[in-house]
Amino acid sequence: GQHCGLDQERAGTHSLCVAQYLLEAVSWRNLRGGFGGLRRIKFGISGGNNVLPTFSSFDDSLGGFRSVVSGRLSGFAKQPGCTRLGELYDFGIGCATAARRLVAWSADAGERRIHGPGYDGEQADYTCSSSGCFLYGMNAGRIRFDPIWGDGAQPGLRRGGGGAPGGGGG
């Protein structure tokens, strides 16, 4: 996703990065190997968040997959109808079913966790030490409060969540 989450990099949240790219009738002819290699999509281009964006298609624009989520969301590769992809799809996880994003508004309740296919049974990964790693436990369904954005009309409410695609299974 282009520049997704750059405005929140210092806070370590990136929850507002809820970009869902819908590709339709995309022709990949004359692809020239940008993004440091031959890729049709890229997670975290230009230093943006490399976990949160999702790519979806109702046709063959994603090689027959309905959705592609970040390869850092490892639990989705274990779901029926999902598989790890190669460089062409930025090492994402392609799923035959649709992935959708959850965004919740609430007062600060600290870190929360969602449960379901793709998250349950995964050990939360907070070990990313490399620049440009924005996992923050989202591989296990962790959702962090985002103190950056709020609703001025309703003090105390902040946008949280959006932490990971919701539904490798549907």
Protein backbone atom coordinates (compact mmCIF):
# COMPACT_ATOMS: atom_id res chain seq x y z
CA GLY A 1 0.00 0.00 0.00
CA GLN A 2 1.36 3.38 -1.00
CA HIS A 3 2.58 5.37 2.03
CA CYS A 4 0.19 3.47 4.27
CA GLY A 5 0.78 4.37 7.90
CA LEU A 6 3.64 6.82 7.42
CA ASP A 7 1.94 9.48 9.56
CA GLN A 8 1.90 7.10 12.53
CA GLU A 9 5.36 5.59 12.32
CA ARG A 10 6.71 7.28 15.46
CA ALA A 11 3.74 6.17 17.57
CA GLY A 12 4.06 2.55 16.52
CA THR A 13 0.37 2.09 15.89
CA HIS A 14 -0.49 2.38 12.21
CA SER A 15 -4.08 1.43 12.90
CA LEU A 16 -5.45 4.05 10.55
CA CYS A 17 -3.84 2.24 7.68
CA VAL A 18 -6.93 0.43 6.59
CA ALA A 19 -6.25 0.57 2.88
CA GLN A 20 -8.16 -2.06 0.95
CA TYR A 21 -7.16 -2.10 -2.69
CA LEU A 22 -9.70 -3.53 -5.12
CA LEU A 23 -8.17 -4.59 -8.42
CA GLU A 24 -10.44 -5.10 -11.39
CA ALA A 25 -9.50 -6.15 -14.93
CA VAL A 26 -5.83 -5.37 -14.32
CA SER A 27 -3.51 -6.24 -17.19
CA TRP A 28 0.01 -7.01 -16.02
CA ARG A 29 1.59 -6.81 -19.48
CA ASN A 30 4.88 -4.93 -19.74
CA LEU A 31 5.58 -5.23 -16.01
CA ARG A 32 9.13 -3.99 -15.55
CA GLY A 33 10.36 -5.22 -12.19
CA GLY A 34 9.88 -2.10 -10.09
CA PHE A 35 9.80 -2.23 -6.28
CA GLY A 36 13.21 -3.92 -6.26
CA GLY A 37 12.00 -6.94 -8.24
CA LEU A 38 9.24 -8.25 -10.42
CA ARG A 39 6.06 -7.69 -8.35
CA ARG A 40 2.43 -7.02 -9.10
CA ILE A 41 1.67 -5.68 -5.62
CA LYS A 42 3.79 -4.40 -2.74
CA PHE A 43 3.12 -4.17 0.98
CA GLY A 44 4.65 -1.07 2.59
CA ILE A 45 5.97 0.74 -0.44
CA SER A 46 7.89 3.96 0.28
CA GLY A 47 8.40 2.93 3.92
CA GLY A 48 4.69 2.56 4.71
CA ASN A 49 3.10 -0.20 6.77
CA ASN A 50 3.88 -3.64 5.38
CA VAL A 51 1.27 -5.53 7.40
CA LEU A 52 -2.09 -3.77 7.17
CA PRO A 53 -3.04 -3.20 3.51
CA THR A 54 -5.17 -5.85 1.78
CA PHE A 55 -5.61 -6.46 -1.93
CA SER A 56 -8.83 -7.96 -3.32
CA SER A 57 -10.23 -8.86 -6.70
CA PHE A 58 -13.40 -10.43 -8.04
CA ASP A 59 -11.68 -11.46 -11.27
CA ASP A 60 -8.26 -12.88 -12.17
CA SER A 61 -6.29 -9.69 -11.36
CA LEU A 62 -4.67 -11.42 -8.36
CA GLY A 63 -3.86 -14.66 -10.14
CA GLY A 64 -7.20 -16.22 -9.24
CA PHE A 65 -7.06 -15.33 -5.54
CA ARG A 66 -9.91 -13.32 -4.05
CA SER A 67 -7.60 -11.57 -1.54
CA VAL A 68 -3.92 -11.23 -0.73
CA VAL A 69 -2.83 -10.27 2.80
CA SER A 70 0.65 -9.56 4.14
CA GLY A 71 2.93 -12.56 4.51
CA ARG A 72 3.64 -11.32 8.05
CA LEU A 73 0.14 -12.50 9.01
CA SER A 74 1.42 -16.07 9.08
CA GLY A 75 -1.71 -17.72 10.48
CA PHE A 76 -3.63 -17.04 7.27
CA ALA A 77 -1.32 -19.39 5.35
CA LYS A 78 -2.66 -22.22 7.53
CA GLN A 79 -6.28 -21.57 6.57
CA PRO A 80 -8.10 -23.70 3.97
CA GLY A 81 -8.00 -21.99 0.58
CA CYS A 82 -4.98 -19.83 1.48
CA THR A 83 -1.37 -20.25 0.40
CA ARG A 84 1.95 -18.42 0.64
CA LEU A 85 2.84 -16.63 -2.57
CA GLY A 86 6.16 -15.66 -4.09
CA GLU A 87 7.83 -12.45 -5.17
CA LEU A 88 5.18 -11.65 -7.79
CA TYR A 89 2.74 -10.91 -4.94
CA ASP A 90 5.36 -9.59 -2.50
CA PHE A 91 5.43 -12.89 -0.57
CA GLY A 92 1.87 -12.28 0.62
CA ILE A 93 -0.73 -14.91 1.42
CA GLY A 94 -3.33 -15.50 -1.27
CA CYS A 95 -6.80 -16.65 -0.22
CA ALA A 96 -9.69 -17.95 -2.27
CA THR A 97 -12.10 -16.14 0.07
CA ALA A 98 -12.40 -12.43 0.82
CA ALA A 99 -10.37 -10.75 3.55
CA ARG A 100 -11.94 -7.71 5.18
CA ARG A 101 -10.69 -5.18 7.70
CA LEU A 102 -12.11 -4.41 11.14
CA VAL A 103 -11.98 -0.86 12.49
CA ALA A 104 -13.37 -0.02 15.92
CA TRP A 105 -13.89 3.32 17.68
CA SER A 106 -13.64 3.39 21.46
CA ALA A 107 -12.09 5.06 24.44
CA ASP A 108 -8.58 3.85 25.30
CA ALA A 109 -8.95 0.28 26.53
CA GLY A 110 -5.32 -0.65 25.99
CA GLU A 111 -4.34 -3.50 23.72
CA ARG A 112 -7.14 -5.86 22.77
CA ARG A 113 -7.26 -9.09 20.82
CA ILE A 114 -9.61 -10.43 18.21
CA HIS A 115 -10.08 -14.16 17.73
CA GLY A 116 -10.75 -16.19 14.64
CA PRO A 117 -9.25 -17.92 11.62
CA GLY A 118 -5.76 -16.68 10.88
CA TYR A 119 -5.12 -15.38 14.41
CA ASP A 120 -5.94 -18.14 16.89
CA GLY A 121 -2.98 -20.29 17.84
CA GLU A 122 -0.41 -17.74 16.65
CA GLN A 123 2.27 -16.45 19.04
CA ALA A 124 2.14 -12.64 19.07
CA ASP A 125 5.26 -11.30 17.37
CA TYR A 126 6.72 -8.16 18.90
CA THR A 127 10.30 -9.00 17.97
CA CYS A 128 10.60 -7.02 14.77
CA SER A 129 13.88 -5.19 15.06
CA SER A 130 14.38 -4.20 11.46
CA SER A 131 13.40 -0.83 10.13
CA GLY A 132 10.09 -1.05 8.36
CA CYS A 133 8.61 -3.89 10.43
CA PHE A 134 5.19 -2.93 11.75
CA LEU A 135 3.84 -6.19 13.16
CA TYR A 136 3.19 -5.28 16.84
CA GLY A 137 1.50 -8.61 17.58
CA MET A 138 -1.08 -8.19 14.82
CA ASN A 139 -0.25 -11.65 13.48
CA ALA A 140 -2.06 -12.99 16.58
CA GLY A 141 -5.00 -10.57 16.38
CA ARG A 142 -3.60 -7.85 18.65
CA ILE A 143 -5.25 -4.45 18.22
CA ARG A 144 -3.56 -1.39 19.65
CA PHE A 145 -5.16 1.86 20.69
CA ASP A 146 -4.26 4.70 18.35
CA PRO A 147 -3.70 7.96 20.28
CA ILE A 148 -3.00 10.02 17.16
CA TRP A 149 -6.46 10.37 15.63
CA GLY A 150 -9.61 11.20 17.50
CA ASP A 151 -13.05 12.62 17.12
CA GLY A 152 -13.08 16.23 18.30
CA ALA A 153 -16.85 16.07 18.69
CA GLN A 154 -16.57 13.20 21.16
CA PRO A 155 -13.56 13.66 23.44
CA GLY A 156 -12.03 10.42 24.63
CA LEU A 157 -12.94 8.46 21.52
CA ARG A 158 -10.09 7.35 19.34
CA ARG A 159 -9.89 5.11 16.39
CA GLY A 160 -8.39 1.78 17.29
CA GLY A 161 -8.05 -1.55 15.66
CA GLY A 162 -7.97 -2.01 11.98
CA GLY A 163 -5.09 -4.10 13.17
CA ALA A 164 -5.35 -6.98 10.76
CA PRO A 165 -7.53 -8.39 8.00
CA GLY A 166 -10.62 -9.96 9.39
CA GLY A 167 -11.48 -13.18 7.77
CA GLY A 168 -9.29 -15.49 5.80
CA GLY A 169 -12.40 -17.63 6.03
CA GLY A 170 -15.04 -15.36 4.57
